[in-house]
Amino acid sequence: MQPDYTVEWTATLGRIIFQRMVAAATCHSAQGSNSMIEKQSLGIFNRLFWTLAIGMSLMNPSFAAEPTSDETKVVDAMRSMYVAATNDDLARFHTVAAADFYSFDNGKRFTGDALMELIKKAHAAGKVYVWEVTEPEVHIDGATAWITYVNKGSVQDASGTKKLNWLESTVLRKDKGIWRIHFFHSTRVPQE
C-alpha cells in the first residue's frame, strides 16, 4: 500500500498559492494594476500552479493498482472456505457458500456439503491438506464476481508430503454486503 501524499501535497500547494497571491497583491498595490512585475509574477504563478496540480493528481494513490475493498473481500471469502475445509467446519463453510453452491473437483460435481464430507473423510484417513490462494485475479461486475488464482499447497499422508498446485476459479454473488460462493472449479496441475 502506498502512502497517501494527497494531504501533504494539498497543504503544500495551498501554501504556495497563498504566498503567490500575497506576492501578487503586494506587487499590485506597490506598482499599479498593469505593472510588468505583476504580469510576470502571475505568469510564473499560473505555470507553477498547473505544474503542481498535474503533479499532485499523478501522485494521488487512487491511480495505483491496489485492490478495492470488494476485491479483498472476494479473496477473503476464498481463504475462509479453505479455513473451513481445513478444520472440517461445515458451519463456517455455510457462511461463505451460497445455498446453491456446487463444485467441479476431481472430475466430479459436488454440492457444498458433499465436498466438505469428501474432505472430512480424507482427513479421517490421515490426509492433511494445505491450501493457499496465490496470484488472485478478481473481476467484479455489480453484484457478481469471479476470481481465478493458483492454489499452492500440499497433501501430507503416511508416505510423506507432496507439494501440489491447482488452477482454480470461482463465481461469487454479493448478498446483503457479503460475497457468497456459488460455483467453484479446481484442476490439479500435473507434476513435472
Protein backbone atom coordinates (compact mmCIF):
# COMPACT_ATOMS: atom_id res chain seq x y z
CA MET A 1 0.00 0.00 0.00
CA GLN A 2 1.37 3.38 -0.96
CA PRO A 3 1.43 6.27 1.50
CA ASP A 4 -1.20 8.95 0.92
CA TYR A 5 0.63 12.03 -0.34
CA THR A 6 -2.60 13.85 -1.17
CA VAL A 7 -2.90 15.68 2.16
CA GLU A 8 0.78 16.69 2.15
CA TRP A 9 0.65 17.92 -1.47
CA THR A 10 -2.63 19.75 -0.92
CA ALA A 11 -1.20 21.61 2.07
CA THR A 12 1.97 22.47 0.15
CA LEU A 13 0.02 23.63 -2.89
CA GLY A 14 -2.24 25.73 -0.66
CA ARG A 15 0.77 27.43 0.96
CA ILE A 16 2.32 28.17 -2.44
CA ILE A 17 -0.91 29.60 -3.81
CA PHE A 18 -1.34 31.77 -0.72
CA GLN A 19 2.27 33.02 -0.93
CA ARG A 20 1.93 33.81 -4.64
CA MET A 21 -1.36 35.63 -4.08
CA VAL A 22 0.20 37.70 -1.30
CA ALA A 23 3.20 38.47 -3.53
CA ALA A 24 0.92 39.43 -6.43
CA ALA A 25 -1.25 41.60 -4.19
CA THR A 26 1.83 43.29 -2.72
CA CYS A 27 3.21 43.89 -6.20
CA HIS A 28 -0.19 45.16 -7.38
CA SER A 29 -0.52 47.71 -4.59
CA ALA A 30 3.08 48.90 -4.98
CA GLN A 31 3.27 49.11 -8.78
CA GLY A 32 -0.28 49.59 -10.03
CA SER A 33 -2.58 47.08 -11.72
CA ASN A 34 -0.76 46.75 -15.07
CA SER A 35 2.86 46.56 -13.97
CA MET A 36 5.30 44.32 -15.79
CA ILE A 37 6.34 42.73 -12.46
CA GLU A 38 2.73 41.74 -11.69
CA LYS A 39 2.26 40.17 -15.14
CA GLN A 40 5.50 38.17 -14.79
CA SER A 41 4.54 37.16 -11.28
CA LEU A 42 1.10 35.95 -12.35
CA GLY A 43 2.58 34.11 -15.38
CA ILE A 44 5.04 32.29 -13.13
CA PHE A 45 2.25 31.62 -10.64
CA ASN A 46 0.00 30.12 -13.32
CA ARG A 47 2.74 27.82 -14.65
CA LEU A 48 3.67 26.75 -11.12
CA PHE A 49 0.04 26.19 -10.15
CA TRP A 50 -0.72 23.96 -13.15
CA THR A 51 2.55 22.06 -12.84
CA LEU A 52 1.87 21.30 -9.19
CA ALA A 53 -1.81 20.49 -9.75
CA ILE A 54 -0.99 17.98 -12.51
CA GLY A 55 1.91 16.54 -10.50
CA MET A 56 -0.28 16.16 -7.44
CA SER A 57 -3.01 14.37 -9.39
CA LEU A 58 -0.48 11.91 -10.82
CA MET A 59 0.89 11.12 -7.37
CA ASN A 60 -2.58 10.53 -5.95
CA PRO A 61 -2.73 6.90 -4.74
CA SER A 62 -6.10 6.44 -6.43
CA PHE A 63 -4.15 5.81 -9.67
CA ALA A 64 -2.32 2.88 -8.05
CA ALA A 65 -3.47 -0.64 -8.87
CA GLU A 66 -4.46 -1.54 -5.34
CA PRO A 67 -7.25 -3.98 -4.59
CA THR A 68 -10.64 -2.50 -3.83
CA SER A 69 -12.48 -3.40 -0.68
CA ASP A 70 -14.72 -5.81 -2.61
CA GLU A 71 -11.74 -7.45 -4.33
CA THR A 72 -10.18 -8.06 -0.91
CA LYS A 73 -13.47 -9.47 0.40
CA VAL A 74 -13.70 -11.88 -2.54
CA VAL A 75 -10.18 -13.19 -1.83
CA ASP A 76 -11.03 -13.39 1.89
CA ALA A 77 -14.13 -15.45 1.08
CA MET A 78 -11.95 -17.99 -0.72
CA ARG A 79 -9.48 -18.13 2.16
CA SER A 80 -12.36 -18.57 4.60
CA MET A 81 -13.61 -21.53 2.55
CA TYR A 82 -10.19 -23.17 2.92
CA VAL A 83 -10.08 -22.50 6.66
CA ALA A 84 -13.49 -24.18 6.95
CA ALA A 85 -12.33 -27.14 4.87
CA THR A 86 -9.07 -27.48 6.82
CA ASN A 87 -11.00 -27.64 10.09
CA ASP A 88 -13.98 -29.67 8.84
CA ASP A 89 -16.12 -26.71 9.88
CA LEU A 90 -19.38 -27.03 7.96
CA ALA A 91 -20.96 -24.07 9.80
CA ARG A 92 -18.13 -21.76 8.73
CA PHE A 93 -18.33 -23.12 5.20
CA HIS A 94 -22.01 -22.15 5.08
CA THR A 95 -21.10 -18.53 5.98
CA VAL A 96 -19.29 -18.15 2.62
CA ALA A 97 -21.06 -20.72 0.43
CA ALA A 98 -24.41 -19.92 -1.16
CA ALA A 99 -27.29 -22.36 -0.68
CA ASP A 100 -26.94 -23.41 -4.35
CA PHE A 101 -23.15 -23.89 -4.16
CA TYR A 102 -21.68 -26.57 -6.36
CA SER A 103 -18.20 -27.55 -7.42
CA PHE A 104 -16.34 -29.34 -10.16
CA ASP A 105 -13.41 -31.08 -8.50
CA ASN A 106 -11.59 -34.36 -9.18
CA GLY A 107 -13.63 -34.76 -12.37
CA LYS A 108 -16.96 -34.78 -10.49
CA ARG A 109 -19.75 -32.43 -9.49
CA PHE A 110 -20.27 -31.87 -5.75
CA THR A 111 -22.74 -29.91 -3.67
CA GLY A 112 -21.13 -27.90 -0.87
CA ASP A 113 -21.98 -30.42 1.85
CA ALA A 114 -20.81 -33.33 -0.32
CA LEU A 115 -17.46 -31.60 -0.99
CA MET A 116 -16.97 -30.91 2.72
CA GLU A 117 -17.85 -34.55 3.50
CA LEU A 118 -15.27 -35.77 0.96
CA ILE A 119 -12.58 -33.61 2.61
CA LYS A 120 -13.65 -34.77 6.09
CA LYS A 121 -13.27 -38.43 5.01
CA ALA A 122 -9.81 -37.67 3.59
CA HIS A 123 -8.83 -36.08 6.94
CA ALA A 124 -10.13 -39.16 8.79
CA ALA A 125 -7.96 -41.32 6.52
CA GLY A 126 -4.88 -39.36 7.68
CA LYS A 127 -4.52 -36.82 4.89
CA VAL A 128 -3.56 -33.24 5.74
CA TYR A 129 -4.18 -30.60 3.11
CA VAL A 130 -2.61 -27.16 2.89
CA TRP A 131 -4.27 -24.68 0.53
CA GLU A 132 -3.06 -21.16 -0.26
CA VAL A 133 -4.69 -18.63 -2.59
CA THR A 134 -1.91 -17.02 -4.63
CA GLU A 135 -1.85 -14.75 -7.68
CA PRO A 136 -5.56 -13.89 -7.39
CA GLU A 137 -7.23 -12.02 -10.24
CA VAL A 138 -10.61 -10.65 -9.18
CA HIS A 139 -13.21 -9.27 -11.58
CA ILE A 140 -16.34 -7.56 -10.29
CA ASP A 141 -19.43 -6.62 -12.27
CA GLY A 142 -22.06 -5.22 -9.93
CA ALA A 143 -23.11 -7.94 -7.50
CA THR A 144 -21.24 -10.70 -9.38
CA ALA A 145 -17.55 -11.50 -9.03
CA TRP A 146 -15.27 -14.14 -10.44
CA ILE A 147 -11.81 -14.96 -9.24
CA THR A 148 -9.03 -17.04 -10.73
CA TYR A 149 -5.92 -17.98 -8.79
CA VAL A 150 -3.21 -20.56 -8.27
CA ASN A 151 -3.78 -22.65 -5.17
CA LYS A 152 -0.27 -23.55 -3.99
CA GLY A 153 -0.37 -26.21 -1.32
CA SER A 154 0.39 -29.74 -0.34
CA VAL A 155 -1.05 -33.07 0.70
CA GLN A 156 0.51 -34.99 3.55
CA ASP A 157 -0.15 -38.63 4.45
CA ALA A 158 1.76 -41.59 5.85
CA SER A 159 4.02 -41.66 2.77
CA GLY A 160 5.12 -38.03 3.23
CA THR A 161 4.28 -34.57 1.95
CA LYS A 162 3.69 -33.85 -1.70
CA LYS A 163 3.64 -30.24 -2.94
CA LEU A 164 0.79 -29.59 -5.33
CA ASN A 165 -0.70 -26.72 -7.30
CA TRP A 166 -4.27 -26.31 -8.51
CA LEU A 167 -5.67 -23.84 -11.04
CA GLU A 168 -8.94 -22.64 -9.57
CA SER A 169 -11.82 -20.34 -10.42
CA THR A 170 -14.90 -19.30 -8.54
CA VAL A 171 -18.08 -17.30 -9.16
CA LEU A 172 -19.49 -15.30 -6.25
CA ARG A 173 -22.56 -13.10 -5.72
CA LYS A 174 -22.86 -10.29 -3.21
CA ASP A 175 -25.83 -10.83 -0.91
CA LYS A 176 -26.58 -8.21 1.77
CA GLY A 177 -22.98 -6.99 1.61
CA ILE A 178 -21.44 -10.49 1.86
CA TRP A 179 -19.72 -12.28 -1.02
CA ARG A 180 -21.00 -15.87 -1.26
CA ILE A 181 -19.51 -18.63 -3.39
CA HIS A 182 -21.91 -20.13 -5.95
CA PHE A 183 -19.53 -22.11 -8.13
CA PHE A 184 -16.04 -23.45 -7.53
CA HIS A 185 -13.78 -25.23 -10.03
CA SER A 186 -10.43 -26.85 -9.33
CA THR A 187 -7.97 -28.52 -11.68
CA ARG A 188 -4.79 -30.06 -10.32
CA VAL A 189 -1.64 -29.03 -12.17
CA PRO A 190 0.20 -32.15 -13.36
CA GLN A 191 3.52 -32.70 -11.61
CA GLU A 192 6.59 -32.46 -13.80
